[in-house]
Amino acid sequence: MSQQPVQLSSDTRGKHRVLAELKRLDQETRFVEEELEQLSKTENENANANASTACKELLGFVDSKPDPLLPTTAAPLNAAWDRWFEGPQDSKGCRCWIL
């Protein structure tokens, strides 16, 4: 078997196209970064006021609506049921490993 030397041909047009595309992408990136900086400067001034107003509105809306996952009952409260959801009154009497 004889090995033939590999000829490397330089395609200057291809390199030029790649370099031109990279330069264009770099310019677009810088433009977008500058635009983002300008937006962040203007938004920072108004963001706190807008965010606090939006949060207050959202909190008021959420607080005014009952939780759809929790049942609503109009029955009188039964104190006997509370003992199932409370921890043990006497920790010595409880042999539960979790508590």
PDB file of N, CA and C in Angstrom:
ATOM      1  N   MET A   1       0.832  -1.181   0.000  1.00  0.00           N
ATOM      2  CA  MET A   1       0.000   0.000   0.000  1.00  0.00           C
ATOM      3  C   MET A   1       0.875   1.241   0.000  1.00  0.00           C
ATOM      4  N   SER A   2       0.548   2.124  -0.834  1.00  0.00           N
ATOM      5  CA  SER A   2       1.300   3.369  -0.857  1.00  0.00           C
ATOM      6  C   SER A   2       0.410   4.493  -0.351  1.00  0.00           C
ATOM      7  N   GLN A   3       0.980   5.288   0.502  1.00  0.00           N
ATOM      8  CA  GLN A   3       0.218   6.409   1.064  1.00  0.00           C
ATOM      9  C   GLN A   3       0.461   7.637   0.213  1.00  0.00           C
ATOM     10  N   GLN A   4      -0.621   8.266  -0.144  1.00  0.00           N
ATOM     11  CA  GLN A   4      -0.504   9.474  -0.936  1.00  0.00           C
ATOM     12  C   GLN A   4      -0.569  10.669   0.004  1.00  0.00           C
ATOM     13  N   PRO A   5       0.228  11.677  -0.220  1.00  0.00           N
ATOM     14  CA  PRO A   5       0.176  12.863   0.643  1.00  0.00           C
ATOM     15  C   PRO A   5      -1.157  13.589   0.468  1.00  0.00           C
ATOM     16  N   VAL A   6      -1.670  14.044   1.573  1.00  0.00           N
ATOM     17  CA  VAL A   6      -2.939  14.763   1.562  1.00  0.00           C
ATOM     18  C   VAL A   6      -2.663  16.204   1.172  1.00  0.00           C
ATOM     19  N   GLN A   7      -3.364  16.655   0.171  1.00  0.00           N
ATOM     20  CA  GLN A   7      -3.180  18.026  -0.263  1.00  0.00           C
ATOM     21  C   GLN A   7      -4.194  18.909   0.449  1.00  0.00           C
ATOM     22  N   LEU A   8      -3.710  19.919   1.085  1.00  0.00           N
ATOM     23  CA  LEU A   8      -4.574  20.879   1.763  1.00  0.00           C
ATOM     24  C   LEU A   8      -4.745  22.081   0.854  1.00  0.00           C
ATOM     25  N   SER A   9      -5.925  22.272   0.411  1.00  0.00           N
ATOM     26  CA  SER A   9      -6.185  23.444  -0.419  1.00  0.00           C
ATOM     27  C   SER A   9      -6.872  24.483   0.445  1.00  0.00           C
ATOM     28  N   SER A  10      -6.398  25.669   0.358  1.00  0.00           N
ATOM     29  CA  SER A  10      -6.994  26.729   1.166  1.00  0.00           C
ATOM     30  C   SER A  10      -8.050  27.439   0.338  1.00  0.00           C
ATOM     31  N   ASP A  11      -9.241  27.440   0.885  1.00  0.00           N
ATOM     32  CA  ASP A  11     -10.360  28.105   0.216  1.00  0.00           C
ATOM     33  C   ASP A  11     -10.529  29.464   0.877  1.00  0.00           C
ATOM     34  N   THR A  12      -9.967  30.488   0.278  1.00  0.00           N
ATOM     35  CA  THR A  12     -10.020  31.816   0.886  1.00  0.00           C
ATOM     36  C   THR A  12     -11.419  32.392   0.842  1.00  0.00           C
ATOM     37  N   ARG A  13     -12.217  32.018  -0.156  1.00  0.00           N
ATOM     38  CA  ARG A  13     -13.585  32.530  -0.205  1.00  0.00           C
ATOM     39  C   ARG A  13     -14.399  31.975   0.964  1.00  0.00           C
ATOM     40  N   GLY A  14     -14.216  30.699   1.286  1.00  0.00           N
ATOM     41  CA  GLY A  14     -14.936  30.096   2.402  1.00  0.00           C
ATOM     42  C   GLY A  14     -14.543  30.725   3.723  1.00  0.00           C
ATOM     43  N   LYS A  15     -13.254  30.966   3.908  1.00  0.00           N
ATOM     44  CA  LYS A  15     -12.781  31.605   5.139  1.00  0.00           C
ATOM     45  C   LYS A  15     -13.339  33.015   5.249  1.00  0.00           C
ATOM     46  N   HIS A  16     -13.357  33.724   4.135  1.00  0.00           N
ATOM     47  CA  HIS A  16     -13.865  35.096   4.144  1.00  0.00           C
ATOM     48  C   HIS A  16     -15.343  35.117   4.533  1.00  0.00           C
ATOM     49  N   ARG A  17     -16.105  34.172   3.988  1.00  0.00           N
ATOM     50  CA  ARG A  17     -17.529  34.104   4.328  1.00  0.00           C
ATOM     51  C   ARG A  17     -17.726  33.816   5.813  1.00  0.00           C
ATOM     52  N   VAL A  18     -16.943  32.889   6.336  1.00  0.00           N
ATOM     53  CA  VAL A  18     -17.060  32.548   7.758  1.00  0.00           C
ATOM     54  C   VAL A  18     -16.682  33.744   8.620  1.00  0.00           C
ATOM     55  N   LEU A  19     -15.591  34.422   8.269  1.00  0.00           N
ATOM     56  CA  LEU A  19     -15.171  35.590   9.045  1.00  0.00           C
ATOM     57  C   LEU A  19     -16.197  36.711   8.957  1.00  0.00           C
ATOM     58  N   ALA A  20     -16.774  36.909   7.780  1.00  0.00           N
ATOM     59  CA  ALA A  20     -17.799  37.947   7.626  1.00  0.00           C
ATOM     60  C   ALA A  20     -19.028  37.612   8.468  1.00  0.00           C
ATOM     61  N   GLU A  21     -19.416  36.345   8.477  1.00  0.00           N
ATOM     62  CA  GLU A  21     -20.576  35.927   9.279  1.00  0.00           C
ATOM     63  C   GLU A  21     -20.290  36.095  10.771  1.00  0.00           C
ATOM     64  N   LEU A  22     -19.083  35.736  11.201  1.00  0.00           N
ATOM     65  CA  LEU A  22     -18.714  35.921  12.610  1.00  0.00           C
ATOM     66  C   LEU A  22     -18.721  37.393  12.998  1.00  0.00           C
ATOM     67  N   LYS A  23     -18.226  38.237  12.109  1.00  0.00           N
ATOM     68  CA  LYS A  23     -18.213  39.673  12.388  1.00  0.00           C
ATOM     69  C   LYS A  23     -19.635  40.212  12.500  1.00  0.00           C
ATOM     70  N   ARG A  24     -20.520  39.763  11.590  1.00  0.00           N
ATOM     71  CA  ARG A  24     -21.916  40.199  11.639  1.00  0.00           C
ATOM     72  C   ARG A  24     -22.581  39.746  12.935  1.00  0.00           C
ATOM     73  N   LEU A  25     -22.345  38.500  13.335  1.00  0.00           N
ATOM     74  CA  LEU A  25     -22.928  37.992  14.577  1.00  0.00           C
ATOM     75  C   LEU A  25     -22.389  38.739  15.793  1.00  0.00           C
ATOM     76  N   ASP A  26     -21.102  39.076  15.744  1.00  0.00           N
ATOM     77  CA  ASP A  26     -20.507  39.835  16.845  1.00  0.00           C
ATOM     78  C   ASP A  26     -21.138  41.220  16.952  1.00  0.00           C
ATOM     79  N   GLN A  27     -21.376  41.870  15.818  1.00  0.00           N
ATOM     80  CA  GLN A  27     -22.022  43.181  15.825  1.00  0.00           C
ATOM     81  C   GLN A  27     -23.448  43.089  16.359  1.00  0.00           C
ATOM     82  N   GLU A  28     -24.177  42.063  15.935  1.00  0.00           N
ATOM     83  CA  GLU A  28     -25.543  41.886  16.427  1.00  0.00           C
ATOM     84  C   GLU A  28     -25.551  41.633  17.931  1.00  0.00           C
ATOM     85  N   THR A  29     -24.600  40.841  18.392  1.00  0.00           N
ATOM     86  CA  THR A  29     -24.509  40.554  19.827  1.00  0.00           C
ATOM     87  C   THR A  29     -24.257  41.826  20.612  1.00  0.00           C
ATOM     88  N   ARG A  30     -23.313  42.647  20.145  1.00  0.00           N
ATOM     89  CA  ARG A  30     -23.031  43.908  20.839  1.00  0.00           C
ATOM     90  C   ARG A  30     -24.244  44.826  20.832  1.00  0.00           C
ATOM     91  N   PHE A  31     -24.952  44.874  19.709  1.00  0.00           N
ATOM     92  CA  PHE A  31     -26.143  45.715  19.612  1.00  0.00           C
ATOM     93  C   PHE A  31     -27.206  45.261  20.609  1.00  0.00           C
ATOM     94  N   VAL A  32     -27.434  43.957  20.689  1.00  0.00           N
ATOM     95  CA  VAL A  32     -28.441  43.431  21.617  1.00  0.00           C
ATOM     96  C   VAL A  32     -28.018  43.678  23.064  1.00  0.00           C
ATOM     97  N   GLU A  33     -26.731  43.515  23.373  1.00  0.00           N
ATOM     98  CA  GLU A  33     -26.246  43.778  24.730  1.00  0.00           C
ATOM     99  C   GLU A  33     -26.459  45.239  25.118  1.00  0.00           C
ATOM    100  N   GLU A  34     -26.163  46.164  24.193  1.00  0.00           N
ATOM    101  CA  GLU A  34     -26.376  47.584  24.470  1.00  0.00           C
ATOM    102  C   GLU A  34     -27.854  47.878  24.688  1.00  0.00           C
ATOM    103  N   GLU A  35     -28.687  47.258  23.873  1.00  0.00           N
ATOM    104  CA  GLU A  35     -30.125  47.458  24.011  1.00  0.00           C
ATOM    105  C   GLU A  35     -30.622  46.931  25.362  1.00  0.00           C
ATOM    106  N   LEU A  36     -30.111  45.777  25.776  1.00  0.00           N
ATOM    107  CA  LEU A  36     -30.492  45.214  27.076  1.00  0.00           C
ATOM    108  C   LEU A  36     -30.048  46.112  28.226  1.00  0.00           C
ATOM    109  N   GLU A  37     -28.857  46.683  28.108  1.00  0.00           N
ATOM    110  CA  GLU A  37     -28.384  47.604  29.145  1.00  0.00           C
ATOM    111  C   GLU A  37     -29.301  48.816  29.251  1.00  0.00           C
ATOM    112  N   GLN A  38     -29.692  49.372  28.112  1.00  0.00           N
ATOM    113  CA  GLN A  38     -30.588  50.526  28.129  1.00  0.00           C
ATOM    114  C   GLN A  38     -31.937  50.161  28.725  1.00  0.00           C
ATOM    115  N   LEU A  39     -32.448  48.996  28.362  1.00  0.00           N
ATOM    116  CA  LEU A  39     -33.729  48.556  28.918  1.00  0.00           C
ATOM    117  C   LEU A  39     -33.643  48.328  30.418  1.00  0.00           C
ATOM    118  N   SER A  40     -32.552  47.732  30.863  1.00  0.00           N
ATOM    119  CA  SER A  40     -32.430  47.465  32.297  1.00  0.00           C
ATOM    120  C   SER A  40     -32.323  48.764  33.085  1.00  0.00           C
ATOM    121  N   LYS A  41     -31.684  49.781  32.506  1.00  0.00           N
ATOM    122  CA  LYS A  41     -31.592  51.069  33.201  1.00  0.00           C
ATOM    123  C   LYS A  41     -32.968  51.707  33.341  1.00  0.00           C
ATOM    124  N   THR A  42     -33.742  51.691  32.261  1.00  0.00           N
ATOM    125  CA  THR A  42     -35.067  52.312  32.331  1.00  0.00           C
ATOM    126  C   THR A  42     -36.028  51.471  33.158  1.00  0.00           C
ATOM    127  N   GLU A  43     -35.899  50.142  33.089  1.00  0.00           N
ATOM    128  CA  GLU A  43     -36.800  49.282  33.850  1.00  0.00           C
ATOM    129  C   GLU A  43     -36.498  49.326  35.338  1.00  0.00           C
ATOM    130  N   ASN A  44     -35.232  49.467  35.709  1.00  0.00           N
ATOM    131  CA  ASN A  44     -34.882  49.501  37.131  1.00  0.00           C
ATOM    132  C   ASN A  44     -35.533  50.680  37.834  1.00  0.00           C
ATOM    133  N   GLU A  45     -35.671  51.784  37.128  1.00  0.00           N
ATOM    134  CA  GLU A  45     -36.283  52.957  37.739  1.00  0.00           C
ATOM    135  C   GLU A  45     -37.766  52.731  38.006  1.00  0.00           C
ATOM    136  N   ASN A  46     -38.430  52.072  37.064  1.00  0.00           N
ATOM    137  CA  ASN A  46     -39.865  51.856  37.186  1.00  0.00           C
ATOM    138  C   ASN A  46     -40.220  50.475  37.716  1.00  0.00           C
ATOM    139  N   ALA A  47     -39.250  49.588  37.788  1.00  0.00           N
ATOM    140  CA  ALA A  47     -39.546  48.197  38.144  1.00  0.00           C
ATOM    141  C   ALA A  47     -40.060  48.068  39.567  1.00  0.00           C
ATOM    142  N   ASN A  48     -39.444  48.784  40.497  1.00  0.00           N
ATOM    143  CA  ASN A  48     -39.863  48.650  41.892  1.00  0.00           C
ATOM    144  C   ASN A  48     -41.303  49.100  42.081  1.00  0.00           C
ATOM    145  N   ALA A  49     -41.661  50.207  41.482  1.00  0.00           N
ATOM    146  CA  ALA A  49     -43.030  50.700  41.617  1.00  0.00           C
ATOM    147  C   ALA A  49     -44.009  49.757  40.934  1.00  0.00           C
ATOM    148  N   ASN A  50     -43.680  49.313  39.734  1.00  0.00           N
ATOM    149  CA  ASN A  50     -44.574  48.412  39.004  1.00  0.00           C
ATOM    150  C   ASN A  50     -44.676  47.054  39.681  1.00  0.00           C
ATOM    151  N   ALA A  51     -43.550  46.543  40.175  1.00  0.00           N
ATOM    152  CA  ALA A  51     -43.564  45.227  40.814  1.00  0.00           C
ATOM    153  C   ALA A  51     -44.367  45.263  42.100  1.00  0.00           C
ATOM    154  N   SER A  52     -44.187  46.301  42.901  1.00  0.00           N
ATOM    155  CA  SER A  52     -44.919  46.349  44.161  1.00  0.00           C
ATOM    156  C   SER A  52     -46.417  46.516  43.908  1.00  0.00           C
ATOM    157  N   THR A  53     -46.780  47.286  42.901  1.00  0.00           N
ATOM    158  CA  THR A  53     -48.195  47.439  42.569  1.00  0.00           C
ATOM    159  C   THR A  53     -48.775  46.116  42.090  1.00  0.00           C
ATOM    160  N   ALA A  54     -48.049  45.435  41.232  1.00  0.00           N
ATOM    161  CA  ALA A  54     -48.527  44.144  40.724  1.00  0.00           C
ATOM    162  C   ALA A  54     -48.629  43.117  41.842  1.00  0.00           C
ATOM    163  N   CYS A  55     -47.662  43.116  42.746  1.00  0.00           N
ATOM    164  CA  CYS A  55     -47.700  42.166  43.867  1.00  0.00           C
ATOM    165  C   CYS A  55     -48.880  42.454  44.788  1.00  0.00           C
ATOM    166  N   LYS A  56     -49.141  43.723  45.031  1.00  0.00           N
ATOM    167  CA  LYS A  56     -50.274  44.077  45.887  1.00  0.00           C
ATOM    168  C   LYS A  56     -51.589  43.645  45.245  1.00  0.00           C
ATOM    169  N   GLU A  57     -51.712  43.858  43.942  1.00  0.00           N
ATOM    170  CA  GLU A  57     -52.930  43.444  43.244  1.00  0.00           C
ATOM    171  C   GLU A  57     -53.091  41.929  43.277  1.00  0.00           C
ATOM    172  N   LEU A  58     -52.010  41.213  43.037  1.00  0.00           N
ATOM    173  CA  LEU A  58     -52.065  39.756  43.045  1.00  0.00           C
ATOM    174  C   LEU A  58     -52.390  39.229  44.435  1.00  0.00           C
ATOM    175  N   LEU A  59     -51.776  39.794  45.450  1.00  0.00           N
ATOM    176  CA  LEU A  59     -52.038  39.368  46.820  1.00  0.00           C
ATOM    177  C   LEU A  59     -53.488  39.625  47.197  1.00  0.00           C
ATOM    178  N   GLY A  60     -54.015  40.772  46.821  1.00  0.00           N
ATOM    179  CA  GLY A  60     -55.416  41.069  47.096  1.00  0.00           C
ATOM    180  C   GLY A  60     -56.349  40.104  46.390  1.00  0.00           C
ATOM    181  N   PHE A  61     -56.009  39.750  45.157  1.00  0.00           N
ATOM    182  CA  PHE A  61     -56.839  38.807  44.399  1.00  0.00           C
ATOM    183  C   PHE A  61     -56.792  37.416  45.016  1.00  0.00           C
ATOM    184  N   VAL A  62     -55.604  36.964  45.381  1.00  0.00           N
ATOM    185  CA  VAL A  62     -55.449  35.623  45.950  1.00  0.00           C
ATOM    186  C   VAL A  62     -56.116  35.536  47.313  1.00  0.00           C
ATOM    187  N   ASP A  63     -55.974  36.559  48.124  1.00  0.00           N
ATOM    188  CA  ASP A  63     -56.574  36.542  49.457  1.00  0.00           C
ATOM    189  C   ASP A  63     -58.096  36.593  49.407  1.00  0.00           C
ATOM    190  N   SER A  64     -58.651  37.188  48.373  1.00  0.00           N
ATOM    191  CA  SER A  64     -60.107  37.329  48.310  1.00  0.00           C
ATOM    192  C   SER A  64     -60.803  36.055  47.834  1.00  0.00           C
ATOM    193  N   LYS A  65     -60.063  35.149  47.215  1.00  0.00           N
ATOM    194  CA  LYS A  65     -60.653  33.914  46.688  1.00  0.00           C
ATOM    195  C   LYS A  65     -60.352  32.751  47.630  1.00  0.00           C
ATOM    196  N   PRO A  66     -61.342  31.878  47.874  1.00  0.00           N
ATOM    197  CA  PRO A  66     -61.061  30.690  48.687  1.00  0.00           C
ATOM    198  C   PRO A  66     -60.204  29.698  47.898  1.00  0.00           C
ATOM    199  N   ASP A  67     -59.467  28.886  48.607  1.00  0.00           N
ATOM    200  CA  ASP A  67     -58.621  27.884  47.983  1.00  0.00           C
ATOM    201  C   ASP A  67     -59.506  26.810  47.360  1.00  0.00           C
ATOM    202  N   PRO A  68     -59.401  26.575  46.052  1.00  0.00           N
ATOM    203  CA  PRO A  68     -60.285  25.593  45.414  1.00  0.00           C
ATOM    204  C   PRO A  68     -59.991  24.157  45.830  1.00  0.00           C
ATOM    205  N   LEU A  69     -58.825  23.905  46.402  1.00  0.00           N
ATOM    206  CA  LEU A  69     -58.485  22.546  46.815  1.00  0.00           C
ATOM    207  C   LEU A  69     -58.950  22.229  48.229  1.00  0.00           C
ATOM    208  N   LEU A  70     -59.322  23.238  48.977  1.00  0.00           N
ATOM    209  CA  LEU A  70     -59.808  23.015  50.335  1.00  0.00           C
ATOM    210  C   LEU A  70     -61.322  23.112  50.346  1.00  0.00           C
ATOM    211  N   PRO A  71     -61.968  22.155  50.983  1.00  0.00           N
ATOM    212  CA  PRO A  71     -63.428  22.224  51.030  1.00  0.00           C
ATOM    213  C   PRO A  71     -63.882  23.332  51.970  1.00  0.00           C
ATOM    214  N   THR A  72     -64.961  23.968  51.610  1.00  0.00           N
ATOM    215  CA  THR A  72     -65.538  24.991  52.480  1.00  0.00           C
ATOM    216  C   THR A  72     -66.795  24.408  53.105  1.00  0.00           C
ATOM    217  N   THR A  73     -66.876  24.538  54.402  1.00  0.00           N
ATOM    218  CA  THR A  73     -68.048  24.028  55.117  1.00  0.00           C
ATOM    219  C   THR A  73     -68.620  25.138  55.971  1.00  0.00           C
ATOM    220  N   ALA A  74     -69.903  25.070  56.148  1.00  0.00           N
ATOM    221  CA  ALA A  74     -70.580  26.037  57.000  1.00  0.00           C
ATOM    222  C   ALA A  74     -70.989  25.383  58.319  1.00  0.00           C
ATOM    223  N   ALA A  75     -70.475  24.194  58.578  1.00  0.00           N
ATOM    224  CA  ALA A  75     -70.823  23.474  59.804  1.00  0.00           C
ATOM    225  C   ALA A  75     -70.090  24.088  60.991  1.00  0.00           C
ATOM    226  N   PRO A  76     -70.639  23.921  62.192  1.00  0.00           N
ATOM    227  CA  PRO A  76     -69.943  24.439  63.369  1.00  0.00           C
ATOM    228  C   PRO A  76     -68.648  23.662  63.612  1.00  0.00           C
ATOM    229  N   LEU A  77     -67.690  24.332  64.216  1.00  0.00           N
ATOM    230  CA  LEU A  77     -66.406  23.706  64.499  1.00  0.00           C
ATOM    231  C   LEU A  77     -66.560  22.644  65.577  1.00  0.00           C
ATOM    232  N   ASN A  78     -65.882  21.543  65.405  1.00  0.00           N
ATOM    233  CA  ASN A  78     -65.903  20.464  66.374  1.00  0.00           C
ATOM    234  C   ASN A  78     -64.501  20.347  66.958  1.00  0.00           C
ATOM    235  N   ALA A  79     -64.338  20.684  68.218  1.00  0.00           N
ATOM    236  CA  ALA A  79     -63.027  20.682  68.862  1.00  0.00           C
ATOM    237  C   ALA A  79     -62.447  19.278  68.966  1.00  0.00           C
ATOM    238  N   ALA A  80     -63.286  18.249  68.954  1.00  0.00           N
ATOM    239  CA  ALA A  80     -62.783  16.880  69.058  1.00  0.00           C
ATOM    240  C   ALA A  80     -61.939  16.497  67.839  1.00  0.00           C
ATOM    241  N   TRP A  81     -62.230  17.105  66.690  1.00  0.00           N
ATOM    242  CA  TRP A  81     -61.450  16.804  65.494  1.00  0.00           C
ATOM    243  C   TRP A  81     -60.044  17.389  65.560  1.00  0.00           C
ATOM    244  N   ASP A  82     -59.877  18.459  66.305  1.00  0.00           N
ATOM    245  CA  ASP A  82     -58.574  19.113  66.375  1.00  0.00           C
ATOM    246  C   ASP A  82     -57.514  18.215  66.989  1.00  0.00           C
ATOM    247  N   ARG A  83     -57.917  17.300  67.858  1.00  0.00           N
ATOM    248  CA  ARG A  83     -56.920  16.461  68.525  1.00  0.00           C
ATOM    249  C   ARG A  83     -56.198  15.552  67.530  1.00  0.00           C
ATOM    250  N   TRP A  84     -56.808  15.264  66.390  1.00  0.00           N
ATOM    251  CA  TRP A  84     -56.165  14.410  65.399  1.00  0.00           C
ATOM    252  C   TRP A  84     -55.046  15.145  64.652  1.00  0.00           C
ATOM    253  N   PHE A  85     -55.114  16.453  64.655  1.00  0.00           N
ATOM    254  CA  PHE A  85     -54.133  17.237  63.907  1.00  0.00           C
ATOM    255  C   PHE A  85     -53.106  17.918  64.802  1.00  0.00           C
ATOM    256  N   GLU A  86     -53.232  17.756  66.090  1.00  0.00           N
ATOM    257  CA  GLU A  86     -52.278  18.335  67.030  1.00  0.00           C
ATOM    258  C   GLU A  86     -51.244  17.287  67.408  1.00  0.00           C
ATOM    259  N   GLY A  87     -50.127  17.756  67.892  1.00  0.00           N
ATOM    260  CA  GLY A  87     -49.107  16.846  68.395  1.00  0.00           C
ATOM    261  C   GLY A  87     -49.535  16.283  69.741  1.00  0.00           C
ATOM    262  N   PRO A  88     -48.783  15.343  70.271  1.00  0.00           N
ATOM    263  CA  PRO A  88     -49.142  14.755  71.562  1.00  0.00           C
ATOM    264  C   PRO A  88     -49.005  15.776  72.686  1.00  0.00           C
ATOM    265  N   GLN A  89     -49.914  15.707  73.628  1.00  0.00           N
ATOM    266  CA  GLN A  89     -49.865  16.613  74.774  1.00  0.00           C
ATOM    267  C   GLN A  89     -48.745  16.207  75.726  1.00  0.00           C
ATOM    268  N   ASP A  90     -48.524  14.907  75.867  1.00  0.00           N
ATOM    269  CA  ASP A  90     -47.505  14.390  76.770  1.00  0.00           C
ATOM    270  C   ASP A  90     -46.474  13.650  75.924  1.00  0.00           C
ATOM    271  N   SER A  91     -45.267  14.187  75.831  1.00  0.00           N
ATOM    272  CA  SER A  91     -44.264  13.563  74.977  1.00  0.00           C
ATOM    273  C   SER A  91     -43.785  12.229  75.537  1.00  0.00           C
ATOM    274  N   LYS A  92     -43.899  12.011  76.862  1.00  0.00           N
ATOM    275  CA  LYS A  92     -43.466  10.742  77.448  1.00  0.00           C
ATOM    276  C   LYS A  92     -44.434   9.619  77.077  1.00  0.00           C
ATOM    277  N   GLY A  93     -45.687   9.942  76.927  1.00  0.00           N
ATOM    278  CA  GLY A  93     -46.679   8.934  76.596  1.00  0.00           C
ATOM    279  C   GLY A  93     -46.666   8.557  75.124  1.00  0.00           C
ATOM    280  N   CYS A  94     -46.029   9.343  74.311  1.00  0.00           N
ATOM    281  CA  CYS A  94     -45.996   9.075  72.872  1.00  0.00           C
ATOM    282  C   CYS A  94     -44.811   8.179  72.550  1.00  0.00           C
ATOM    283  N   ARG A  95     -45.070   7.055  71.927  1.00  0.00           N
ATOM    284  CA  ARG A  95     -43.992   6.141  71.542  1.00  0.00           C
ATOM    285  C   ARG A  95     -43.744   6.195  70.036  1.00  0.00           C
ATOM    286  N   CYS A  96     -44.184   7.244  69.436  1.00  0.00           N
ATOM    287  CA  CYS A  96     -44.023   7.415  67.997  1.00  0.00           C
ATOM    288  C   CYS A  96     -42.596   7.873  67.714  1.00  0.00           C
ATOM    289  N   TRP A  97     -41.937   7.240  66.782  1.00  0.00           N
ATOM    290  CA  TRP A  97     -40.552   7.577  66.473  1.00  0.00           C
ATOM    291  C   TRP A  97     -40.452   8.840  65.625  1.00  0.00           C
ATOM    292  N   ILE A  98     -41.503   9.156  64.912  1.00  0.00           N
ATOM    293  CA  ILE A  98     -41.474  10.328  64.039  1.00  0.00           C
ATOM    294  C   ILE A  98     -41.505  11.607  64.858  1.00  0.00           C
ATOM    295  N   LEU A  99     -42.365  11.656  65.858  1.00  0.00           N
ATOM    296  CA  LEU A  99     -42.485  12.858  66.670  1.00  0.00           C
ATOM    297  C   LEU A  99     -41.423  12.817  67.713  1.00  0.00           C
TER     298      LEU A  99
END
